[in-house]
């Protein structure tokens, strides 16, 4: 299947070894930590201060779990070539990175959108 991968011609200004891996890692890790901290603060207020837990809090924790799964898949995708230029990825790594991207985008994004919509629905009711 790797023989069927056709790479486009080299773009102008291409330099071997260019990578956006530090940016990808920085965004995923910083947003993951920030979201976890905000959810923890919300749960602290709901449990300790208000002594009131709702359905939206349960869905929020579930959405956080899905976000962590998505972040883990992106970090795993970095080992398969995410953040690197397509010309720098080994031929056998191209199919693996495409597979990881499909898995990440198809499962995780759909799950997060569904949980967000459910939480909005529950807050309206």
N, C-alpha and C. Protein backbone atom coordinates (compact mmCIF):
# COMPACT_ATOMS: atom_id res chain seq x y z
N UNK A 1 0.82 -1.19 0.00
CA UNK A 1 0.00 0.00 0.00
C UNK A 1 0.86 1.26 0.00
N UNK A 2 2.08 1.16 0.49
CA UNK A 2 2.95 2.33 0.50
C UNK A 2 3.38 2.71 -0.91
N UNK A 3 3.32 1.78 -1.87
CA UNK A 3 3.68 2.11 -3.23
C UNK A 3 2.64 3.01 -3.88
N UNK A 4 1.40 3.01 -3.38
CA UNK A 4 0.34 3.81 -3.97
C UNK A 4 0.38 5.27 -3.51
N UNK A 5 1.22 5.61 -2.54
CA UNK A 5 1.29 6.97 -2.04
C UNK A 5 2.10 7.81 -3.02
N UNK A 6 1.44 8.82 -3.58
CA UNK A 6 2.09 9.73 -4.51
C UNK A 6 2.32 11.07 -3.82
N UNK A 7 3.57 11.47 -3.72
CA UNK A 7 3.89 12.73 -3.09
C UNK A 7 3.86 13.84 -4.14
N UNK A 8 3.33 15.01 -3.78
CA UNK A 8 3.37 16.14 -4.72
C UNK A 8 4.79 16.63 -4.89
N UNK A 9 5.04 17.46 -5.89
CA UNK A 9 6.40 17.99 -6.06
C UNK A 9 6.83 18.82 -4.86
N UNK A 10 8.13 18.91 -4.67
CA UNK A 10 8.66 19.69 -3.54
C UNK A 10 8.22 21.14 -3.64
N UNK A 11 7.72 21.71 -2.55
CA UNK A 11 7.33 23.12 -2.58
C UNK A 11 8.55 24.03 -2.56
N UNK A 12 8.36 25.26 -3.01
CA UNK A 12 9.44 26.24 -2.97
C UNK A 12 9.76 26.56 -1.52
N UNK A 13 11.02 26.64 -1.19
CA UNK A 13 11.45 26.96 0.16
C UNK A 13 11.48 25.78 1.10
N UNK A 14 11.31 24.57 0.59
CA UNK A 14 11.34 23.39 1.45
C UNK A 14 12.76 23.15 1.93
N UNK A 15 12.91 22.94 3.21
CA UNK A 15 14.20 22.60 3.80
C UNK A 15 14.01 21.30 4.58
N UNK A 16 14.83 20.30 4.31
CA UNK A 16 14.69 19.02 5.03
C UNK A 16 14.80 19.21 6.54
N UNK A 17 14.00 18.47 7.26
CA UNK A 17 14.06 18.51 8.72
C UNK A 17 13.13 19.53 9.35
N UNK A 18 12.34 20.27 8.57
CA UNK A 18 11.41 21.21 9.16
C UNK A 18 10.36 20.43 9.94
N UNK A 19 10.01 20.94 11.10
CA UNK A 19 9.03 20.25 11.93
C UNK A 19 8.22 21.25 12.73
N UNK A 20 6.98 20.90 12.96
CA UNK A 20 6.12 21.68 13.85
C UNK A 20 5.79 20.87 15.10
N UNK A 21 6.57 19.85 15.33
CA UNK A 21 6.34 18.97 16.46
C UNK A 21 6.35 19.72 17.80
N UNK A 22 7.29 20.64 18.06
CA UNK A 22 7.24 21.37 19.33
C UNK A 22 5.96 22.18 19.51
N UNK A 23 5.43 22.73 18.41
CA UNK A 23 4.18 23.49 18.49
C UNK A 23 3.03 22.56 18.83
N UNK A 24 2.96 21.42 18.14
CA UNK A 24 1.89 20.45 18.39
C UNK A 24 1.94 19.98 19.83
N UNK A 25 3.12 19.61 20.30
CA UNK A 25 3.26 19.14 21.67
C UNK A 25 2.89 20.23 22.68
N UNK A 26 3.35 21.45 22.43
CA UNK A 26 3.05 22.56 23.33
C UNK A 26 1.57 22.84 23.45
N UNK A 27 0.88 22.83 22.31
CA UNK A 27 -0.56 23.12 22.32
C UNK A 27 -1.32 22.00 23.02
N UNK A 28 -1.04 20.75 22.66
CA UNK A 28 -1.78 19.63 23.24
C UNK A 28 -1.55 19.54 24.75
N UNK A 29 -0.31 19.65 25.17
CA UNK A 29 -0.01 19.52 26.60
C UNK A 29 -0.55 20.71 27.40
N UNK A 30 -0.34 21.94 26.91
CA UNK A 30 -0.81 23.11 27.67
C UNK A 30 -2.33 23.18 27.73
N UNK A 31 -3.01 22.90 26.61
CA UNK A 31 -4.47 22.92 26.65
C UNK A 31 -5.02 21.79 27.51
N UNK A 32 -4.39 20.62 27.45
CA UNK A 32 -4.83 19.51 28.29
C UNK A 32 -4.72 19.83 29.76
N UNK A 33 -3.61 20.42 30.15
CA UNK A 33 -3.44 20.80 31.56
C UNK A 33 -4.39 21.91 31.97
N UNK A 34 -4.59 22.89 31.08
CA UNK A 34 -5.47 24.01 31.40
C UNK A 34 -6.91 23.53 31.55
N UNK A 35 -7.38 22.69 30.65
CA UNK A 35 -8.75 22.19 30.73
C UNK A 35 -8.94 21.33 31.98
N UNK A 36 -7.96 20.51 32.29
CA UNK A 36 -8.05 19.68 33.49
C UNK A 36 -8.13 20.54 34.74
N UNK A 37 -7.33 21.59 34.79
CA UNK A 37 -7.35 22.49 35.94
C UNK A 37 -8.70 23.20 36.06
N UNK A 38 -9.27 23.64 34.95
CA UNK A 38 -10.56 24.33 35.00
C UNK A 38 -11.68 23.38 35.42
N UNK A 39 -11.66 22.16 34.92
CA UNK A 39 -12.68 21.18 35.33
C UNK A 39 -12.52 20.85 36.81
N UNK A 40 -11.29 20.73 37.28
CA UNK A 40 -11.06 20.45 38.70
C UNK A 40 -11.57 21.60 39.57
N UNK A 41 -11.34 22.83 39.13
CA UNK A 41 -11.84 23.98 39.90
C UNK A 41 -13.37 24.00 39.91
N UNK A 42 -13.99 23.70 38.79
CA UNK A 42 -15.46 23.67 38.75
C UNK A 42 -16.00 22.59 39.67
N UNK A 43 -15.39 21.40 39.61
CA UNK A 43 -15.86 20.32 40.47
C UNK A 43 -15.63 20.62 41.94
N UNK A 44 -14.55 21.30 42.26
CA UNK A 44 -14.29 21.71 43.64
C UNK A 44 -15.40 22.64 44.13
N UNK A 45 -15.75 23.62 43.30
CA UNK A 45 -16.81 24.55 43.69
C UNK A 45 -18.14 23.82 43.84
N UNK A 46 -18.44 22.93 42.92
CA UNK A 46 -19.73 22.22 42.96
C UNK A 46 -19.80 21.27 44.17
N UNK A 47 -18.71 20.54 44.43
CA UNK A 47 -18.73 19.57 45.53
C UNK A 47 -18.57 20.22 46.90
N UNK A 48 -17.54 21.02 47.05
CA UNK A 48 -17.19 21.54 48.38
C UNK A 48 -17.98 22.77 48.79
N UNK A 49 -18.16 23.69 47.86
CA UNK A 49 -18.79 24.95 48.24
C UNK A 49 -20.31 24.93 48.09
N UNK A 50 -20.81 24.40 46.98
CA UNK A 50 -22.25 24.41 46.73
C UNK A 50 -22.95 23.13 47.17
N UNK A 51 -22.20 22.06 47.36
CA UNK A 51 -22.76 20.75 47.72
C UNK A 51 -23.88 20.35 46.76
N UNK A 52 -23.65 20.61 45.49
CA UNK A 52 -24.66 20.33 44.47
C UNK A 52 -23.95 19.80 43.23
N UNK A 53 -24.33 18.60 42.85
CA UNK A 53 -23.75 17.98 41.67
C UNK A 53 -24.88 17.71 40.69
N UNK A 54 -24.68 18.08 39.43
CA UNK A 54 -25.72 17.88 38.43
C UNK A 54 -25.27 16.93 37.34
N UNK A 55 -26.21 16.69 36.43
CA UNK A 55 -25.93 15.83 35.29
C UNK A 55 -24.85 16.44 34.39
N UNK A 56 -24.84 17.77 34.35
CA UNK A 56 -23.85 18.43 33.51
C UNK A 56 -22.43 18.20 34.02
N UNK A 57 -22.27 18.02 35.32
CA UNK A 57 -20.94 17.74 35.87
C UNK A 57 -20.46 16.36 35.45
N UNK A 58 -21.36 15.40 35.43
CA UNK A 58 -21.00 14.05 34.98
C UNK A 58 -20.58 14.07 33.52
N UNK A 59 -21.36 14.80 32.70
CA UNK A 59 -21.01 14.91 31.28
C UNK A 59 -19.71 15.68 31.08
N UNK A 60 -19.45 16.64 31.94
CA UNK A 60 -18.21 17.40 31.85
C UNK A 60 -17.00 16.50 32.11
N UNK A 61 -17.12 15.63 33.09
CA UNK A 61 -16.03 14.69 33.38
C UNK A 61 -15.86 13.71 32.22
N UNK A 62 -16.97 13.26 31.64
CA UNK A 62 -16.88 12.37 30.48
C UNK A 62 -16.24 13.08 29.29
N UNK A 63 -16.59 14.34 29.08
CA UNK A 63 -15.98 15.11 27.99
C UNK A 63 -14.49 15.31 28.24
N UNK A 64 -14.11 15.51 29.51
CA UNK A 64 -12.69 15.63 29.83
C UNK A 64 -11.95 14.34 29.52
N UNK A 65 -12.57 13.21 29.82
CA UNK A 65 -11.94 11.92 29.51
C UNK A 65 -11.75 11.75 28.01
N UNK A 66 -12.76 12.14 27.24
CA UNK A 66 -12.64 12.05 25.77
C UNK A 66 -11.55 13.00 25.27
N UNK A 67 -11.46 14.18 25.86
CA UNK A 67 -10.42 15.13 25.46
C UNK A 67 -9.03 14.57 25.75
N UNK A 68 -8.88 13.88 26.88
CA UNK A 68 -7.59 13.27 27.20
C UNK A 68 -7.27 12.13 26.24
N UNK A 69 -8.29 11.37 25.84
CA UNK A 69 -8.07 10.31 24.85
C UNK A 69 -7.62 10.93 23.53
N UNK A 70 -8.29 12.00 23.12
CA UNK A 70 -7.90 12.68 21.89
C UNK A 70 -6.47 13.20 21.98
N UNK A 71 -6.12 13.84 23.10
CA UNK A 71 -4.76 14.33 23.28
C UNK A 71 -3.73 13.21 23.25
N UNK A 72 -4.09 12.08 23.83
CA UNK A 72 -3.18 10.93 23.80
C UNK A 72 -3.00 10.41 22.39
N UNK A 73 -4.08 10.39 21.61
CA UNK A 73 -3.97 9.95 20.22
C UNK A 73 -3.14 10.90 19.38
N UNK A 74 -3.25 12.20 19.65
CA UNK A 74 -2.42 13.17 18.94
C UNK A 74 -0.95 12.97 19.31
N UNK A 75 -0.68 12.76 20.59
CA UNK A 75 0.70 12.50 21.00
C UNK A 75 1.22 11.22 20.36
N UNK A 76 0.38 10.20 20.27
CA UNK A 76 0.77 8.97 19.58
C UNK A 76 0.99 9.24 18.10
N UNK A 77 0.16 10.11 17.51
CA UNK A 77 0.33 10.47 16.11
C UNK A 77 1.65 11.18 15.85
N UNK A 78 2.17 11.86 16.86
CA UNK A 78 3.47 12.53 16.71
C UNK A 78 4.58 11.52 16.49
N UNK A 79 4.43 10.33 17.04
CA UNK A 79 5.44 9.30 16.80
C UNK A 79 5.34 8.73 15.39
N UNK A 80 4.16 8.92 14.75
CA UNK A 80 3.95 8.42 13.39
C UNK A 80 4.17 9.49 12.33
N UNK A 81 4.55 10.69 12.74
CA UNK A 81 4.87 11.71 11.76
C UNK A 81 4.05 12.97 11.84
N UNK A 82 3.09 13.07 12.75
CA UNK A 82 2.31 14.29 12.89
C UNK A 82 3.23 15.44 13.28
N UNK A 83 3.13 16.55 12.57
CA UNK A 83 3.96 17.71 12.84
C UNK A 83 5.20 17.78 11.97
N UNK A 84 5.51 16.68 11.27
CA UNK A 84 6.67 16.67 10.38
C UNK A 84 6.19 16.82 8.94
N UNK A 85 7.07 17.27 8.08
CA UNK A 85 6.74 17.43 6.68
C UNK A 85 6.60 16.06 6.03
N UNK A 86 5.69 15.96 5.07
CA UNK A 86 5.41 14.68 4.45
C UNK A 86 6.64 14.10 3.75
N UNK A 87 7.54 14.95 3.30
CA UNK A 87 8.74 14.46 2.61
C UNK A 87 9.76 13.88 3.59
N UNK A 88 9.63 14.25 4.86
CA UNK A 88 10.57 13.76 5.86
C UNK A 88 10.11 12.47 6.53
N UNK A 89 8.87 12.09 6.29
CA UNK A 89 8.35 10.87 6.90
C UNK A 89 8.76 9.69 6.03
N UNK A 90 9.20 8.64 6.67
CA UNK A 90 9.57 7.44 5.92
C UNK A 90 8.35 6.88 5.20
N UNK A 91 8.57 6.22 4.09
CA UNK A 91 7.46 5.68 3.30
C UNK A 91 6.55 4.78 4.14
N UNK A 92 7.10 3.98 5.01
CA UNK A 92 6.25 3.10 5.81
C UNK A 92 5.49 3.87 6.89
N UNK A 93 5.93 5.09 7.21
CA UNK A 93 5.25 5.88 8.21
C UNK A 93 4.06 6.66 7.67
N UNK A 94 3.95 6.81 6.36
CA UNK A 94 2.87 7.60 5.80
C UNK A 94 1.52 6.93 6.04
N UNK A 95 1.42 5.65 5.76
CA UNK A 95 0.15 4.96 5.97
C UNK A 95 -0.21 4.91 7.45
N UNK A 96 0.77 4.75 8.33
CA UNK A 96 0.51 4.71 9.76
C UNK A 96 -0.01 6.06 10.24
N UNK A 97 0.58 7.17 9.76
CA UNK A 97 0.13 8.49 10.19
C UNK A 97 -1.25 8.79 9.64
N UNK A 98 -1.55 8.37 8.43
CA UNK A 98 -2.90 8.57 7.90
C UNK A 98 -3.91 7.78 8.72
N UNK A 99 -3.56 6.57 9.09
CA UNK A 99 -4.46 5.74 9.89
C UNK A 99 -4.70 6.37 11.26
N UNK A 100 -3.66 6.89 11.89
CA UNK A 100 -3.84 7.50 13.21
C UNK A 100 -4.68 8.77 13.10
N UNK A 101 -4.51 9.53 12.03
CA UNK A 101 -5.30 10.75 11.86
C UNK A 101 -6.77 10.42 11.68
N UNK A 102 -7.07 9.40 10.89
CA UNK A 102 -8.46 9.00 10.68
C UNK A 102 -9.07 8.55 11.99
N UNK A 103 -8.32 7.78 12.76
CA UNK A 103 -8.83 7.31 14.04
C UNK A 103 -9.06 8.48 14.98
N UNK A 104 -8.11 9.41 15.05
CA UNK A 104 -8.25 10.56 15.93
C UNK A 104 -9.45 11.41 15.55
N UNK A 105 -9.52 11.79 14.29
CA UNK A 105 -10.56 12.73 13.88
C UNK A 105 -11.93 12.08 13.89
N UNK A 106 -12.03 10.85 13.45
CA UNK A 106 -13.33 10.20 13.35
C UNK A 106 -13.96 9.89 14.68
N UNK A 107 -13.20 9.32 15.57
CA UNK A 107 -13.77 8.88 16.85
C UNK A 107 -13.80 10.01 17.87
N UNK A 108 -12.69 10.65 18.09
CA UNK A 108 -12.59 11.63 19.17
C UNK A 108 -13.40 12.89 18.91
N UNK A 109 -13.29 13.43 17.73
CA UNK A 109 -14.02 14.67 17.46
C UNK A 109 -15.52 14.45 17.49
N UNK A 110 -15.97 13.33 16.96
CA UNK A 110 -17.41 13.04 16.98
C UNK A 110 -17.89 12.88 18.41
N UNK A 111 -17.12 12.18 19.22
CA UNK A 111 -17.49 11.99 20.61
C UNK A 111 -17.54 13.30 21.39
N UNK A 112 -16.55 14.17 21.15
CA UNK A 112 -16.54 15.44 21.86
C UNK A 112 -17.71 16.32 21.44
N UNK A 113 -18.02 16.33 20.17
CA UNK A 113 -19.16 17.13 19.72
C UNK A 113 -20.47 16.61 20.31
N UNK A 114 -20.62 15.30 20.35
CA UNK A 114 -21.84 14.72 20.91
C UNK A 114 -21.97 15.07 22.39
N UNK A 115 -20.88 14.97 23.14
CA UNK A 115 -20.94 15.29 24.56
C UNK A 115 -21.21 16.76 24.79
N UNK A 116 -20.65 17.62 23.96
CA UNK A 116 -20.90 19.05 24.09
C UNK A 116 -22.37 19.36 23.85
N UNK A 117 -22.94 18.75 22.82
CA UNK A 117 -24.36 18.99 22.53
C UNK A 117 -25.25 18.44 23.63
N UNK A 118 -24.91 17.27 24.16
CA UNK A 118 -25.71 16.71 25.26
C UNK A 118 -25.65 17.60 26.48
N UNK A 119 -24.48 18.13 26.78
CA UNK A 119 -24.37 19.00 27.95
C UNK A 119 -25.17 20.28 27.75
N UNK A 120 -25.16 20.84 26.54
CA UNK A 120 -25.95 22.03 26.27
C UNK A 120 -27.44 21.72 26.40
N UNK A 121 -27.86 20.54 25.94
CA UNK A 121 -29.25 20.14 26.05
C UNK A 121 -29.68 20.00 27.51
N UNK A 122 -28.83 19.37 28.30
CA UNK A 122 -29.15 19.16 29.71
C UNK A 122 -29.22 20.49 30.46
N UNK A 123 -28.34 21.43 30.11
CA UNK A 123 -28.38 22.73 30.76
C UNK A 123 -29.65 23.51 30.41
N UNK A 124 -30.23 23.26 29.25
CA UNK A 124 -31.46 23.94 28.85
C UNK A 124 -32.68 23.37 29.56
N UNK A 125 -32.61 22.06 29.90
CA UNK A 125 -33.77 21.39 30.49
C UNK A 125 -33.89 21.70 31.95
